[in-house]
Amino acid sequence: MFIYLKKRKGQTTLEYAILIGVIVAGLIAMQIYVKRGYMGKMRESADDMGKQFAPGASTYTYTHSSHSHTNETVEDGKTTTKILTSISNKTGSEQVQDQESDWSPWDEEKKAE
């Protein structure tokens, strides 16, 4: 009877080892598909961002003006400056080139495929 139990215990260990091996092999085989899915999602997120700044193709015009009222006093050779009011204003516009007409290395890779 003890011989039968020892054989059965060895068989159970072998079954667990084979099951774990099959699961690991499946995960290794799926690794490529998981990576592709992740990279595709990242590409989709990047495409959804819309227009991007292209230094050679974008134009921008800004006007920055500032005004301040100060009070300066000189006592015993020391100058003291007090800022009473300070106003800063920045206005302008920016024109960003469309993503489709902008050149990128990624476009060259797609053309080569």
PDB file of N, CA and C in Angstrom:
ATOM      1  N   MET A   1       0.816  -1.185   0.000  1.00  0.00           N
ATOM      2  CA  MET A   1       0.000   0.000   0.000  1.00  0.00           C
ATOM      3  C   MET A   1       0.870   1.264   0.000  1.00  0.00           C
ATOM      4  N   PHE A   2       1.989   1.271   0.738  1.00  0.00           N
ATOM      5  CA  PHE A   2       2.863   2.433   0.771  1.00  0.00           C
ATOM      6  C   PHE A   2       3.525   2.682  -0.588  1.00  0.00           C
ATOM      7  N   ILE A   3       3.803   1.642  -1.309  1.00  0.00           N
ATOM      8  CA  ILE A   3       4.415   1.776  -2.631  1.00  0.00           C
ATOM      9  C   ILE A   3       3.444   2.498  -3.566  1.00  0.00           C
ATOM     10  N   TYR A   4       2.181   2.173  -3.489  1.00  0.00           N
ATOM     11  CA  TYR A   4       1.174   2.822  -4.328  1.00  0.00           C
ATOM     12  C   TYR A   4       1.090   4.319  -4.017  1.00  0.00           C
ATOM     13  N   LEU A   5       1.141   4.713  -2.734  1.00  0.00           N
ATOM     14  CA  LEU A   5       1.059   6.122  -2.352  1.00  0.00           C
ATOM     15  C   LEU A   5       2.282   6.897  -2.843  1.00  0.00           C
ATOM     16  N   LYS A   6       3.474   6.301  -2.788  1.00  0.00           N
ATOM     17  CA  LYS A   6       4.682   6.969  -3.261  1.00  0.00           C
ATOM     18  C   LYS A   6       4.601   7.205  -4.776  1.00  0.00           C
ATOM     19  N   LYS A   7       4.105   6.224  -5.508  1.00  0.00           N
ATOM     20  CA  LYS A   7       3.973   6.386  -6.952  1.00  0.00           C
ATOM     21  C   LYS A   7       2.953   7.477  -7.274  1.00  0.00           C
ATOM     22  N   ARG A   8       1.891   7.519  -6.523  1.00  0.00           N
ATOM     23  CA  ARG A   8       0.825   8.509  -6.746  1.00  0.00           C
ATOM     24  C   ARG A   8       1.335   9.917  -6.441  1.00  0.00           C
ATOM     25  N   LYS A   9       2.165  10.078  -5.407  1.00  0.00           N
ATOM     26  CA  LYS A   9       2.723  11.366  -5.032  1.00  0.00           C
ATOM     27  C   LYS A   9       3.652  11.878  -6.140  1.00  0.00           C
ATOM     28  N   GLY A  10       4.450  11.015  -6.702  1.00  0.00           N
ATOM     29  CA  GLY A  10       5.332  11.390  -7.804  1.00  0.00           C
ATOM     30  C   GLY A  10       4.548  11.794  -9.046  1.00  0.00           C
ATOM     31  N   GLN A  11       3.449  11.109  -9.287  1.00  0.00           N
ATOM     32  CA  GLN A  11       2.626  11.413 -10.451  1.00  0.00           C
ATOM     33  C   GLN A  11       1.982  12.800 -10.283  1.00  0.00           C
ATOM     34  N   THR A  12       1.515  13.130  -9.090  1.00  0.00           N
ATOM     35  CA  THR A  12       0.898  14.428  -8.828  1.00  0.00           C
ATOM     36  C   THR A  12       1.919  15.555  -9.017  1.00  0.00           C
ATOM     37  N   THR A  13       3.139  15.383  -8.532  1.00  0.00           N
ATOM     38  CA  THR A  13       4.192  16.388  -8.691  1.00  0.00           C
ATOM     39  C   THR A  13       4.497  16.601 -10.163  1.00  0.00           C
ATOM     40  N   LEU A  14       4.555  15.518 -10.926  1.00  0.00           N
ATOM     41  CA  LEU A  14       4.818  15.617 -12.358  1.00  0.00           C
ATOM     42  C   LEU A  14       3.683  16.355 -13.069  1.00  0.00           C
ATOM     43  N   GLU A  15       2.451  16.083 -12.691  1.00  0.00           N
ATOM     44  CA  GLU A  15       1.313  16.768 -13.298  1.00  0.00           C
ATOM     45  C   GLU A  15       1.366  18.267 -13.031  1.00  0.00           C
ATOM     46  N   TYR A  16       1.710  18.660 -11.802  1.00  0.00           N
ATOM     47  CA  TYR A  16       1.831  20.090 -11.471  1.00  0.00           C
ATOM     48  C   TYR A  16       2.979  20.741 -12.256  1.00  0.00           C
ATOM     49  N   ALA A  17       4.075  20.053 -12.397  1.00  0.00           N
ATOM     50  CA  ALA A  17       5.223  20.596 -13.136  1.00  0.00           C
ATOM     51  C   ALA A  17       4.856  20.806 -14.601  1.00  0.00           C
ATOM     52  N   ILE A  18       4.156  19.851 -15.187  1.00  0.00           N
ATOM     53  CA  ILE A  18       3.734  19.985 -16.588  1.00  0.00           C
ATOM     54  C   ILE A  18       2.735  21.131 -16.738  1.00  0.00           C
ATOM     55  N   LEU A  19       1.814  21.266 -15.811  1.00  0.00           N
ATOM     56  CA  LEU A  19       0.824  22.344 -15.857  1.00  0.00           C
ATOM     57  C   LEU A  19       1.502  23.712 -15.765  1.00  0.00           C
ATOM     58  N   ILE A  20       2.447  23.860 -14.853  1.00  0.00           N
ATOM     59  CA  ILE A  20       3.182  25.119 -14.717  1.00  0.00           C
ATOM     60  C   ILE A  20       3.994  25.393 -15.976  1.00  0.00           C
ATOM     61  N   GLY A  21       4.598  24.375 -16.544  1.00  0.00           N
ATOM     62  CA  GLY A  21       5.362  24.536 -17.785  1.00  0.00           C
ATOM     63  C   GLY A  21       4.500  25.005 -18.935  1.00  0.00           C
ATOM     64  N   VAL A  22       3.299  24.463 -19.063  1.00  0.00           N
ATOM     65  CA  VAL A  22       2.386  24.866 -20.133  1.00  0.00           C
ATOM     66  C   VAL A  22       1.948  26.319 -19.940  1.00  0.00           C
ATOM     67  N   ILE A  23       1.678  26.715 -18.706  1.00  0.00           N
ATOM     68  CA  ILE A  23       1.277  28.103 -18.431  1.00  0.00           C
ATOM     69  C   ILE A  23       2.416  29.064 -18.765  1.00  0.00           C
ATOM     70  N   VAL A  24       3.643  28.737 -18.351  1.00  0.00           N
ATOM     71  CA  VAL A  24       4.801  29.588 -18.647  1.00  0.00           C
ATOM     72  C   VAL A  24       5.029  29.678 -20.151  1.00  0.00           C
ATOM     73  N   ALA A  25       4.934  28.583 -20.862  1.00  0.00           N
ATOM     74  CA  ALA A  25       5.105  28.596 -22.318  1.00  0.00           C
ATOM     75  C   ALA A  25       4.036  29.470 -22.975  1.00  0.00           C
ATOM     76  N   GLY A  26       2.811  29.407 -22.493  1.00  0.00           N
ATOM     77  CA  GLY A  26       1.737  30.256 -23.029  1.00  0.00           C
ATOM     78  C   GLY A  26       2.013  31.730 -22.798  1.00  0.00           C
ATOM     79  N   LEU A  27       2.505  32.064 -21.608  1.00  0.00           N
ATOM     80  CA  LEU A  27       2.822  33.463 -21.317  1.00  0.00           C
ATOM     81  C   LEU A  27       3.970  33.972 -22.185  1.00  0.00           C
ATOM     82  N   ILE A  28       4.967  33.144 -22.406  1.00  0.00           N
ATOM     83  CA  ILE A  28       6.090  33.539 -23.256  1.00  0.00           C
ATOM     84  C   ILE A  28       5.618  33.737 -24.694  1.00  0.00           C
ATOM     85  N   ALA A  29       4.741  32.868 -25.160  1.00  0.00           N
ATOM     86  CA  ALA A  29       4.220  33.000 -26.519  1.00  0.00           C
ATOM     87  C   ALA A  29       3.351  34.252 -26.663  1.00  0.00           C
ATOM     88  N   MET A  30       2.640  34.633 -25.631  1.00  0.00           N
ATOM     89  CA  MET A  30       1.767  35.807 -25.667  1.00  0.00           C
ATOM     90  C   MET A  30       2.532  37.116 -25.496  1.00  0.00           C
ATOM     91  N   GLN A  31       3.781  37.061 -25.102  1.00  0.00           N
ATOM     92  CA  GLN A  31       4.565  38.260 -24.814  1.00  0.00           C
ATOM     93  C   GLN A  31       4.616  39.211 -26.010  1.00  0.00           C
ATOM     94  N   ILE A  32       4.792  38.699 -27.201  1.00  0.00           N
ATOM     95  CA  ILE A  32       4.862  39.524 -28.408  1.00  0.00           C
ATOM     96  C   ILE A  32       3.545  40.267 -28.622  1.00  0.00           C
ATOM     97  N   TYR A  33       2.435  39.580 -28.447  1.00  0.00           N
ATOM     98  CA  TYR A  33       1.136  40.197 -28.674  1.00  0.00           C
ATOM     99  C   TYR A  33       0.825  41.248 -27.617  1.00  0.00           C
ATOM    100  N   VAL A  34       1.244  41.022 -26.395  1.00  0.00           N
ATOM    101  CA  VAL A  34       1.034  42.009 -25.334  1.00  0.00           C
ATOM    102  C   VAL A  34       1.856  43.263 -25.632  1.00  0.00           C
ATOM    103  N   LYS A  35       3.112  43.090 -26.066  1.00  0.00           N
ATOM    104  CA  LYS A  35       3.958  44.239 -26.411  1.00  0.00           C
ATOM    105  C   LYS A  35       3.354  45.025 -27.566  1.00  0.00           C
ATOM    106  N   ARG A  36       2.886  44.338 -28.596  1.00  0.00           N
ATOM    107  CA  ARG A  36       2.286  45.025 -29.741  1.00  0.00           C
ATOM    108  C   ARG A  36       1.033  45.790 -29.333  1.00  0.00           C
ATOM    109  N   GLY A  37       0.226  45.186 -28.498  1.00  0.00           N
ATOM    110  CA  GLY A  37      -0.979  45.870 -28.023  1.00  0.00           C
ATOM    111  C   GLY A  37      -0.649  47.117 -27.227  1.00  0.00           C
ATOM    112  N   TYR A  38       0.360  47.028 -26.379  1.00  0.00           N
ATOM    113  CA  TYR A  38       0.777  48.173 -25.563  1.00  0.00           C
ATOM    114  C   TYR A  38       1.337  49.289 -26.453  1.00  0.00           C
ATOM    115  N   MET A  39       2.178  48.925 -27.417  1.00  0.00           N
ATOM    116  CA  MET A  39       2.762  49.934 -28.304  1.00  0.00           C
ATOM    117  C   MET A  39       1.679  50.568 -29.186  1.00  0.00           C
ATOM    118  N   GLY A  40       0.711  49.796 -29.606  1.00  0.00           N
ATOM    119  CA  GLY A  40      -0.389  50.345 -30.391  1.00  0.00           C
ATOM    120  C   GLY A  40      -1.208  51.342 -29.591  1.00  0.00           C
ATOM    121  N   LYS A  41      -1.427  51.042 -28.330  1.00  0.00           N
ATOM    122  CA  LYS A  41      -2.176  51.959 -27.465  1.00  0.00           C
ATOM    123  C   LYS A  41      -1.393  53.248 -27.247  1.00  0.00           C
ATOM    124  N   MET A  42      -0.077  53.146 -27.098  1.00  0.00           N
ATOM    125  CA  MET A  42       0.756  54.332 -26.926  1.00  0.00           C
ATOM    126  C   MET A  42       0.720  55.182 -28.197  1.00  0.00           C
ATOM    127  N   ARG A  43       0.780  54.560 -29.355  1.00  0.00           N
ATOM    128  CA  ARG A  43       0.728  55.292 -30.629  1.00  0.00           C
ATOM    129  C   ARG A  43      -0.620  55.988 -30.778  1.00  0.00           C
ATOM    130  N   GLU A  44      -1.688  55.297 -30.416  1.00  0.00           N
ATOM    131  CA  GLU A  44      -3.020  55.886 -30.508  1.00  0.00           C
ATOM    132  C   GLU A  44      -3.140  57.101 -29.592  1.00  0.00           C
ATOM    133  N   SER A  45      -2.589  57.006 -28.397  1.00  0.00           N
ATOM    134  CA  SER A  45      -2.623  58.130 -27.467  1.00  0.00           C
ATOM    135  C   SER A  45      -1.831  59.313 -28.009  1.00  0.00           C
ATOM    136  N   ALA A  46      -0.692  59.042 -28.612  1.00  0.00           N
ATOM    137  CA  ALA A  46       0.125  60.115 -29.192  1.00  0.00           C
ATOM    138  C   ALA A  46      -0.596  60.769 -30.368  1.00  0.00           C
ATOM    139  N   ASP A  47      -1.288  59.989 -31.177  1.00  0.00           N
ATOM    140  CA  ASP A  47      -2.022  60.546 -32.312  1.00  0.00           C
ATOM    141  C   ASP A  47      -3.211  61.388 -31.858  1.00  0.00           C
ATOM    142  N   ASP A  48      -3.802  61.034 -30.727  1.00  0.00           N
ATOM    143  CA  ASP A  48      -4.955  61.775 -30.223  1.00  0.00           C
ATOM    144  C   ASP A  48      -4.584  63.139 -29.655  1.00  0.00           C
ATOM    145  N   MET A  49      -3.306  63.385 -29.427  1.00  0.00           N
ATOM    146  CA  MET A  49      -2.897  64.673 -28.866  1.00  0.00           C
ATOM    147  C   MET A  49      -3.107  65.817 -29.847  1.00  0.00           C
ATOM    148  N   GLY A  50      -3.155  65.526 -31.113  1.00  0.00           N
ATOM    149  CA  GLY A  50      -3.421  66.568 -32.095  1.00  0.00           C
ATOM    150  C   GLY A  50      -2.172  67.265 -32.568  1.00  0.00           C
ATOM    151  N   LYS A  51      -2.312  68.556 -32.837  1.00  0.00           N
ATOM    152  CA  LYS A  51      -1.220  69.323 -33.403  1.00  0.00           C
ATOM    153  C   LYS A  51      -0.079  69.468 -32.401  1.00  0.00           C
ATOM    154  N   GLN A  52       1.129  69.355 -32.910  1.00  0.00           N
ATOM    155  CA  GLN A  52       2.326  69.476 -32.086  1.00  0.00           C
ATOM    156  C   GLN A  52       3.148  70.653 -32.575  1.00  0.00           C
ATOM    157  N   PHE A  53       3.975  71.194 -31.715  1.00  0.00           N
ATOM    158  CA  PHE A  53       4.824  72.325 -32.067  1.00  0.00           C
ATOM    159  C   PHE A  53       5.970  71.861 -32.943  1.00  0.00           C
ATOM    160  N   ALA A  54       6.124  72.471 -34.107  1.00  0.00           N
ATOM    161  CA  ALA A  54       7.225  72.194 -35.019  1.00  0.00           C
ATOM    162  C   ALA A  54       8.026  73.489 -35.170  1.00  0.00           C
ATOM    163  N   PRO A  55       9.245  73.572 -34.644  1.00  0.00           N
ATOM    164  CA  PRO A  55       9.992  74.832 -34.631  1.00  0.00           C
ATOM    165  C   PRO A  55      10.186  75.453 -36.008  1.00  0.00           C
ATOM    166  N   GLY A  56      10.392  74.648 -37.033  1.00  0.00           N
ATOM    167  CA  GLY A  56      10.636  75.194 -38.362  1.00  0.00           C
ATOM    168  C   GLY A  56       9.377  75.630 -39.080  1.00  0.00           C
ATOM    169  N   ALA A  57       8.219  75.157 -38.658  1.00  0.00           N
ATOM    170  CA  ALA A  57       6.999  75.423 -39.405  1.00  0.00           C
ATOM    171  C   ALA A  57       5.973  76.248 -38.630  1.00  0.00           C
ATOM    172  N   SER A  58       6.127  76.384 -37.341  1.00  0.00           N
ATOM    173  CA  SER A  58       5.171  77.128 -36.531  1.00  0.00           C
ATOM    174  C   SER A  58       5.591  78.588 -36.439  1.00  0.00           C
ATOM    175  N   THR A  59       4.600  79.467 -36.369  1.00  0.00           N
ATOM    176  CA  THR A  59       4.878  80.893 -36.193  1.00  0.00           C
ATOM    177  C   THR A  59       4.143  81.384 -34.960  1.00  0.00           C
ATOM    178  N   TYR A  60       4.741  82.339 -34.303  1.00  0.00           N
ATOM    179  CA  TYR A  60       4.103  82.905 -33.127  1.00  0.00           C
ATOM    180  C   TYR A  60       4.502  84.373 -33.006  1.00  0.00           C
ATOM    181  N   THR A  61       3.581  85.165 -32.485  1.00  0.00           N
ATOM    182  CA  THR A  61       3.797  86.589 -32.273  1.00  0.00           C
ATOM    183  C   THR A  61       3.270  86.932 -30.889  1.00  0.00           C
ATOM    184  N   TYR A  62       4.121  87.468 -30.050  1.00  0.00           N
ATOM    185  CA  TYR A  62       3.724  87.858 -28.706  1.00  0.00           C
ATOM    186  C   TYR A  62       4.174  89.293 -28.435  1.00  0.00           C
ATOM    187  N   THR A  63       3.379  90.011 -27.697  1.00  0.00           N
ATOM    188  CA  THR A  63       3.735  91.342 -27.222  1.00  0.00           C
ATOM    189  C   THR A  63       3.694  91.300 -25.702  1.00  0.00           C
ATOM    190  N   HIS A  64       4.798  91.670 -25.102  1.00  0.00           N
ATOM    191  CA  HIS A  64       4.896  91.650 -23.646  1.00  0.00           C
ATOM    192  C   HIS A  64       5.146  93.077 -23.177  1.00  0.00           C
ATOM    193  N   SER A  65       4.281  93.566 -22.328  1.00  0.00           N
ATOM    194  CA  SER A  65       4.462  94.909 -21.796  1.00  0.00           C
ATOM    195  C   SER A  65       4.307  94.868 -20.285  1.00  0.00           C
ATOM    196  N   SER A  66       5.075  95.702 -19.627  1.00  0.00           N
ATOM    197  CA  SER A  66       4.961  95.799 -18.162  1.00  0.00           C
ATOM    198  C   SER A  66       5.080  97.262 -17.753  1.00  0.00           C
ATOM    199  N   HIS A  67       4.316  97.619 -16.749  1.00  0.00           N
ATOM    200  CA  HIS A  67       4.303  98.975 -16.208  1.00  0.00           C
ATOM    201  C   HIS A  67       4.394  98.862 -14.692  1.00  0.00           C
ATOM    202  N   SER A  68       5.154  99.755 -14.106  1.00  0.00           N
ATOM    203  CA  SER A  68       5.246  99.741 -12.645  1.00  0.00           C
ATOM    204  C   SER A  68       5.407 101.167 -12.122  1.00  0.00           C
ATOM    205  N   HIS A  69       4.906 101.383 -10.936  1.00  0.00           N
ATOM    206  CA  HIS A  69       5.082 102.654 -10.226  1.00  0.00           C
ATOM    207  C   HIS A  69       5.952 102.376  -9.011  1.00  0.00           C
ATOM    208  N   THR A  70       7.056 103.083  -8.933  1.00  0.00           N
ATOM    209  CA  THR A  70       7.990 102.870  -7.828  1.00  0.00           C
ATOM    210  C   THR A  70       8.263 104.181  -7.106  1.00  0.00           C
ATOM    211  N   ASN A  71       8.739 104.042  -5.906  1.00  0.00           N
ATOM    212  CA  ASN A  71       9.124 105.189  -5.095  1.00  0.00           C
ATOM    213  C   ASN A  71      10.544 104.936  -4.600  1.00  0.00           C
ATOM    214  N   GLU A  72      11.485 105.797  -5.016  1.00  0.00           N
ATOM    215  CA  GLU A  72      12.878 105.644  -4.602  1.00  0.00           C
ATOM    216  C   GLU A  72      13.251 106.776  -3.650  1.00  0.00           C
ATOM    217  N   THR A  73      13.894 106.416  -2.544  1.00  0.00           N
ATOM    218  CA  THR A  73      14.370 107.414  -1.587  1.00  0.00           C
ATOM    219  C   THR A  73      15.834 107.164  -1.282  1.00  0.00           C
ATOM    220  N   VAL A  74      16.568 108.248  -1.109  1.00  0.00           N
ATOM    221  CA  VAL A  74      17.990 108.142  -0.789  1.00  0.00           C
ATOM    222  C   VAL A  74      18.195 108.783   0.583  1.00  0.00           C
ATOM    223  N   GLU A  75      18.710 107.978   1.525  1.00  0.00           N
ATOM    224  CA  GLU A  75      19.013 108.465   2.876  1.00  0.00           C
ATOM    225  C   GLU A  75      20.370 107.936   3.293  1.00  0.00           C
ATOM    226  N   ASP A  76      21.243 108.789   3.703  1.00  0.00           N
ATOM    227  CA  ASP A  76      22.576 108.432   4.175  1.00  0.00           C
ATOM    228  C   ASP A  76      23.331 107.562   3.161  1.00  0.00           C
ATOM    229  N   GLY A  77      23.177 107.849   1.887  1.00  0.00           N
ATOM    230  CA  GLY A  77      23.889 107.114   0.855  1.00  0.00           C
ATOM    231  C   GLY A  77      23.274 105.782   0.496  1.00  0.00           C
ATOM    232  N   LYS A  78      22.113 105.460   1.049  1.00  0.00           N
ATOM    233  CA  LYS A  78      21.422 104.202   0.749  1.00  0.00           C
ATOM    234  C   LYS A  78      20.164 104.501  -0.053  1.00  0.00           C
ATOM    235  N   THR A  79      19.966 103.734  -1.097  1.00  0.00           N
ATOM    236  CA  THR A  79      18.784 103.902  -1.938  1.00  0.00           C
ATOM    237  C   THR A  79      17.773 102.818  -1.580  1.00  0.00           C
ATOM    238  N   THR A  80      16.556 103.248  -1.305  1.00  0.00           N
ATOM    239  CA  THR A  80      15.466 102.326  -0.994  1.00  0.00           C
ATOM    240  C   THR A  80      14.415 102.456  -2.083  1.00  0.00           C
ATOM    241  N   THR A  81      14.034 101.324  -2.678  1.00  0.00           N
ATOM    242  CA  THR A  81      13.035 101.313  -3.746  1.00  0.00           C
ATOM    243  C   THR A  81      11.814 100.540  -3.269  1.00  0.00           C
ATOM    244  N   LYS A  82      10.650 101.169  -3.385  1.00  0.00           N
ATOM    245  CA  LYS A  82       9.383 100.517  -3.058  1.00  0.00           C
ATOM    246  C   LYS A  82       8.561 100.419  -4.326  1.00  0.00           C
ATOM    247  N   ILE A  83       8.099  99.213  -4.635  1.00  0.00           N
ATOM    248  CA  ILE A  83       7.242  99.011  -5.801  1.00  0.00           C
ATOM    249  C   ILE A  83       5.802  99.207  -5.337  1.00  0.00           C
ATOM    250  N   LEU A  84       5.164 100.225  -5.871  1.00  0.00           N
ATOM    251  CA  LEU A  84       3.785 100.525  -5.473  1.00  0.00           C
ATOM    252  C   LEU A  84       2.795  99.672  -6.256  1.00  0.00           C
ATOM    253  N   THR A  85       2.928  99.653  -7.592  1.00  0.00           N
ATOM    254  CA  THR A  85       2.077  98.804  -8.433  1.00  0.00           C
ATOM    255  C   THR A  85       2.922  98.242  -9.567  1.00  0.00           C
ATOM    256  N   SER A  86       2.562  97.071 -10.006  1.00  0.00           N
ATOM    257  CA  SER A  86       3.249  96.447 -11.125  1.00  0.00           C
ATOM    258  C   SER A  86       2.227  95.691 -11.967  1.00  0.00           C
ATOM    259  N   ILE A  87       2.203  95.987 -13.255  1.00  0.00           N
ATOM    260  CA  ILE A  87       1.264  95.339 -14.165  1.00  0.00           C
ATOM    261  C   ILE A  87       2.058  94.724 -15.312  1.00  0.00           C
ATOM    262  N   SER A  88       1.796  93.460 -15.611  1.00  0.00           N
ATOM    263  CA  SER A  88       2.463  92.773 -16.708  1.00  0.00           C
ATOM    264  C   SER A  88       1.396  92.170 -17.609  1.00  0.00           C
ATOM    265  N   ASN A  89       1.572  92.339 -18.919  1.00  0.00           N
ATOM    266  CA  ASN A  89       0.575  91.858 -19.863  1.00  0.00           C
ATOM    267  C   ASN A  89       1.279  91.179 -21.031  1.00  0.00           C
ATOM    268  N   LYS A  90       0.784  90.012 -21.413  1.00  0.00           N
ATOM    269  CA  LYS A  90       1.332  89.282 -22.556  1.00  0.00           C
ATOM    270  C   LYS A  90       0.174  88.900 -23.468  1.00  0.00           C
ATOM    271  N   THR A  91       0.235  89.363 -24.711  1.00  0.00           N
ATOM    272  CA  THR A  91      -0.800  89.035 -25.683  1.00  0.00           C
ATOM    273  C   THR A  91      -0.129  88.524 -26.946  1.00  0.00           C
ATOM    274  N   GLY A  92      -0.843  87.761 -27.718  1.00  0.00           N
ATOM    275  CA  GLY A  92      -0.268  87.269 -28.965  1.00  0.00           C
ATOM    276  C   GLY A  92      -1.034  86.096 -29.517  1.00  0.00           C
ATOM    277  N   SER A  93      -0.422  85.478 -30.524  1.00  0.00           N
ATOM    278  CA  SER A  93      -1.051  84.330 -31.159  1.00  0.00           C
ATOM    279  C   SER A  93       0.024  83.353 -31.611  1.00  0.00           C
ATOM    280  N   GLU A  94      -0.415  82.140 -31.881  1.00  0.00           N
ATOM    281  CA  GLU A  94       0.495  81.080 -32.320  1.00  0.00           C
ATOM    282  C   GLU A  94      -0.197  80.277 -33.402  1.00  0.00           C
ATOM    283  N   GLN A  95       0.514  79.992 -34.477  1.00  0.00           N
ATOM    284  CA  GLN A  95      -0.011  79.193 -35.582  1.00  0.00           C
ATOM    285  C   GLN A  95       0.812  77.923 -35.675  1.00  0.00           C
ATOM    286  N   VAL A  96       0.189  76.771 -35.437  1.00  0.00           N
ATOM    287  CA  VAL A  96       0.885  75.492 -35.455  1.00  0.00           C
ATOM    288  C   VAL A  96       0.547  74.781 -36.763  1.00  0.00           C
ATOM    289  N   GLN A  97       1.578  74.239 -37.411  1.00  0.00           N
ATOM    290  CA  GLN A  97       1.377  73.532 -38.679  1.00  0.00           C
ATOM    291  C   GLN A  97       0.640  72.225 -38.431  1.00  0.00           C
ATOM    292  N   ASP A  98      -0.175  71.812 -39.415  1.00  0.00           N
ATOM    293  CA  ASP A  98      -0.892  70.548 -39.296  1.00  0.00           C
ATOM    294  C   ASP A  98       0.087  69.393 -39.193  1.00  0.00           C
ATOM    295  N   GLN A  99      -0.299  68.389 -38.431  1.00  0.00           N
ATOM    296  CA  GLN A  99       0.556  67.228 -38.218  1.00  0.00           C
ATOM    297  C   GLN A  99       0.776  66.455 -39.518  1.00  0.00           C
ATOM    298  N   GLU A 100      -0.218  66.439 -40.406  1.00  0.00           N
ATOM    299  CA  GLU A 100      -0.105  65.673 -41.639  1.00  0.00           C
ATOM    300  C   GLU A 100       0.955  66.261 -42.566  1.00  0.00           C
ATOM    301  N   SER A 101       1.141  67.578 -42.540  1.00  0.00           N
ATOM    302  CA  SER A 101       2.091  68.200 -43.453  1.00  0.00           C
ATOM    303  C   SER A 101       3.470  68.370 -42.832  1.00  0.00           C
ATOM    304  N   ASP A 102       3.628  67.966 -41.601  1.00  0.00           N
ATOM    305  CA  ASP A 102       4.915  68.095 -40.916  1.00  0.00           C
ATOM    306  C   ASP A 102       5.745  66.842 -41.178  1.00  0.00           C
ATOM    307  N   TRP A 103       7.029  67.006 -41.457  1.00  0.00           N
ATOM    308  CA  TRP A 103       7.920  65.884 -41.708  1.00  0.00           C
ATOM    309  C   TRP A 103       8.380  65.297 -40.379  1.00  0.00           C
ATOM    310  N   SER A 104       8.480  63.988 -40.313  1.00  0.00           N
ATOM    311  CA  SER A 104       9.041  63.340 -39.131  1.00  0.00           C
ATOM    312  C   SER A 104       9.754  62.062 -39.566  1.00  0.00           C
ATOM    313  N   PRO A 105      10.726  61.597 -38.770  1.00  0.00           N
ATOM    314  CA  PRO A 105      11.422  60.352 -39.113  1.00  0.00           C
ATOM    315  C   PRO A 105      10.477  59.159 -39.168  1.00  0.00           C
ATOM    316  N   TRP A 106       9.400  59.207 -38.397  1.00  0.00           N
ATOM    317  CA  TRP A 106       8.428  58.106 -38.385  1.00  0.00           C
ATOM    318  C   TRP A 106       7.813  57.930 -39.769  1.00  0.00           C
ATOM    319  N   ASP A 107       7.565  59.062 -40.484  1.00  0.00           N
ATOM    320  CA  ASP A 107       6.996  58.983 -41.826  1.00  0.00           C
ATOM    321  C   ASP A 107       7.945  58.262 -42.780  1.00  0.00           C
ATOM    322  N   GLU A 108       9.242  58.523 -42.651  1.00  0.00           N
ATOM    323  CA  GLU A 108      10.233  57.859 -43.504  1.00  0.00           C
ATOM    324  C   GLU A 108      10.245  56.352 -43.249  1.00  0.00           C
ATOM    325  N   GLU A 109      10.072  55.947 -41.998  1.00  0.00           N
ATOM    326  CA  GLU A 109      10.045  54.518 -41.671  1.00  0.00           C
ATOM    327  C   GLU A 109       8.816  53.851 -42.277  1.00  0.00           C
ATOM    328  N   LYS A 110       7.661  54.557 -42.269  1.00  0.00           N
ATOM    329  CA  LYS A 110       6.451  53.986 -42.837  1.00  0.00           C
ATOM    330  C   LYS A 110       6.579  53.836 -44.355  1.00  0.00           C
ATOM    331  N   LYS A 111       7.237  54.806 -45.006  1.00  0.00           N
ATOM    332  CA  LYS A 111       7.416  54.731 -46.454  1.00  0.00           C
ATOM    333  C   LYS A 111       8.317  53.557 -46.831  1.00  0.00           C
ATOM    334  N   ALA A 112       9.316  53.248 -46.006  1.00  0.00           N
ATOM    335  CA  ALA A 112      10.254  52.181 -46.299  1.00  0.00           C
ATOM    336  C   ALA A 112       9.600  50.803 -46.210  1.00  0.00           C
ATOM    337  N   GLU A 113       8.536  50.696 -45.423  1.00  0.00           N
ATOM    338  CA  GLU A 113       7.868  49.392 -45.243  1.00  0.00           C
ATOM    339  C   GLU A 113       7.069  49.033 -46.417  1.00  0.00           C
TER     340      GLU A 113
END
